[in-house]
Amino acid sequence: MRRIATTFALSLASVLLLAGPAMAAEGNDNGEGLVGETDDKIVTFFSLGVVLFFVAVVILGTVIQNALEKRKQRRKAAHLRSRTGW
């Protein structure tokens, strides 16, 4: 329990030390991000990118899983073929 408390205290201290200068930074940009003013087009394309990313992750995971399953089945079949006798 002491280890958790120490870790929490150190994490809190580091956040507080780093948050002060970040909040007091000069050059107020009125909330604009790296790509400028955020409008509907930017939000739509970002959201589409997030959806496509997760679709790609699911498809890639399925392809990898199928390849591994085929490999496992081939190894099982080879093992069964190699068994002879009683």
Protein backbone atom coordinates (compact mmCIF):
# COMPACT_ATOMS: atom_id res chain seq x y z
CA MET A 1 0.00 0.00 0.00
CA ARG A 2 2.89 2.31 0.75
CA ARG A 3 4.25 1.76 -2.75
CA ILE A 4 0.96 2.85 -4.32
CA ALA A 5 0.83 5.99 -2.15
CA THR A 6 4.40 6.89 -3.05
CA THR A 7 3.75 6.38 -6.75
CA PHE A 8 0.58 8.49 -6.56
CA ALA A 9 2.36 11.28 -4.70
CA LEU A 10 5.23 11.38 -7.20
CA SER A 11 2.81 11.36 -10.13
CA LEU A 12 0.77 14.19 -8.65
CA ALA A 13 3.89 16.25 -7.94
CA SER A 14 5.22 15.82 -11.47
CA VAL A 15 1.86 16.78 -12.99
CA LEU A 16 1.66 19.89 -10.85
CA LEU A 17 5.23 20.88 -11.71
CA LEU A 18 4.67 20.48 -15.43
CA ALA A 19 1.14 21.94 -15.59
CA GLY A 20 2.06 25.38 -14.28
CA PRO A 21 4.41 26.43 -17.09
CA ALA A 22 2.14 24.87 -19.69
CA MET A 23 -0.86 26.89 -18.53
CA ALA A 24 1.13 30.11 -18.23
CA ALA A 25 2.63 29.87 -21.72
CA GLU A 26 2.68 33.03 -23.79
CA GLY A 27 1.09 33.40 -27.20
CA ASN A 28 -2.62 32.96 -26.70
CA ASP A 29 -3.99 31.44 -29.90
CA ASN A 30 -7.69 31.60 -28.92
CA GLY A 31 -7.98 27.83 -28.78
CA GLU A 32 -6.84 27.12 -32.34
CA GLY A 33 -5.06 23.83 -32.85
CA LEU A 34 -2.25 22.82 -35.17
CA VAL A 35 -4.42 22.91 -38.30
CA GLY A 36 -6.02 26.26 -37.56
CA GLU A 37 -9.64 26.97 -36.86
CA THR A 38 -11.71 23.84 -36.36
CA ASP A 39 -14.77 23.61 -38.57
CA ASP A 40 -17.20 20.88 -39.58
CA LYS A 41 -15.03 19.60 -42.41
CA ILE A 42 -12.04 18.99 -40.15
CA VAL A 43 -14.15 17.24 -37.52
CA THR A 44 -15.84 15.08 -40.15
CA PHE A 45 -12.57 13.97 -41.76
CA PHE A 46 -10.96 13.30 -38.37
CA SER A 47 -13.94 11.19 -37.31
CA LEU A 48 -13.87 9.31 -40.61
CA GLY A 49 -10.17 8.64 -40.06
CA VAL A 50 -10.87 7.22 -36.60
CA VAL A 51 -13.58 4.93 -37.97
CA LEU A 52 -11.37 3.74 -40.84
CA PHE A 53 -8.49 3.13 -38.45
CA PHE A 54 -10.56 0.80 -36.29
CA VAL A 55 -12.00 -0.98 -39.33
CA ALA A 56 -8.45 -1.55 -40.59
CA VAL A 57 -7.37 -2.85 -37.15
CA VAL A 58 -10.27 -5.33 -37.09
CA ILE A 59 -9.59 -6.54 -40.64
CA LEU A 60 -5.85 -6.88 -40.00
CA GLY A 61 -6.48 -8.75 -36.76
CA THR A 62 -8.87 -11.12 -38.51
CA VAL A 63 -6.38 -11.85 -41.28
CA ILE A 64 -3.62 -12.53 -38.77
CA GLN A 65 -5.87 -14.75 -36.66
CA ASN A 66 -6.95 -16.77 -39.71
CA ALA A 67 -3.34 -17.29 -40.76
CA LEU A 68 -2.41 -18.47 -37.27
CA GLU A 69 -5.40 -20.81 -37.10
CA LYS A 70 -4.47 -22.39 -40.46
CA ARG A 71 -0.90 -22.83 -39.24
CA LYS A 72 -2.15 -24.47 -36.04
CA GLN A 73 -4.39 -26.84 -37.99
CA ARG A 74 -1.52 -27.80 -40.32
CA ARG A 75 0.71 -28.55 -37.32
CA LYS A 76 -2.00 -30.65 -35.69
CA ALA A 77 -2.56 -32.60 -38.91
CA ALA A 78 1.17 -33.19 -39.32
CA HIS A 79 1.41 -34.43 -35.77
CA LEU A 80 -1.51 -36.82 -36.26
CA ARG A 81 0.00 -38.13 -39.52
CA SER A 82 3.32 -38.78 -37.79
CA ARG A 83 1.73 -40.99 -35.13
CA THR A 84 2.05 -44.63 -36.05
CA GLY A 85 1.19 -47.82 -34.27
CA TRP A 86 -0.46 -48.08 -30.94
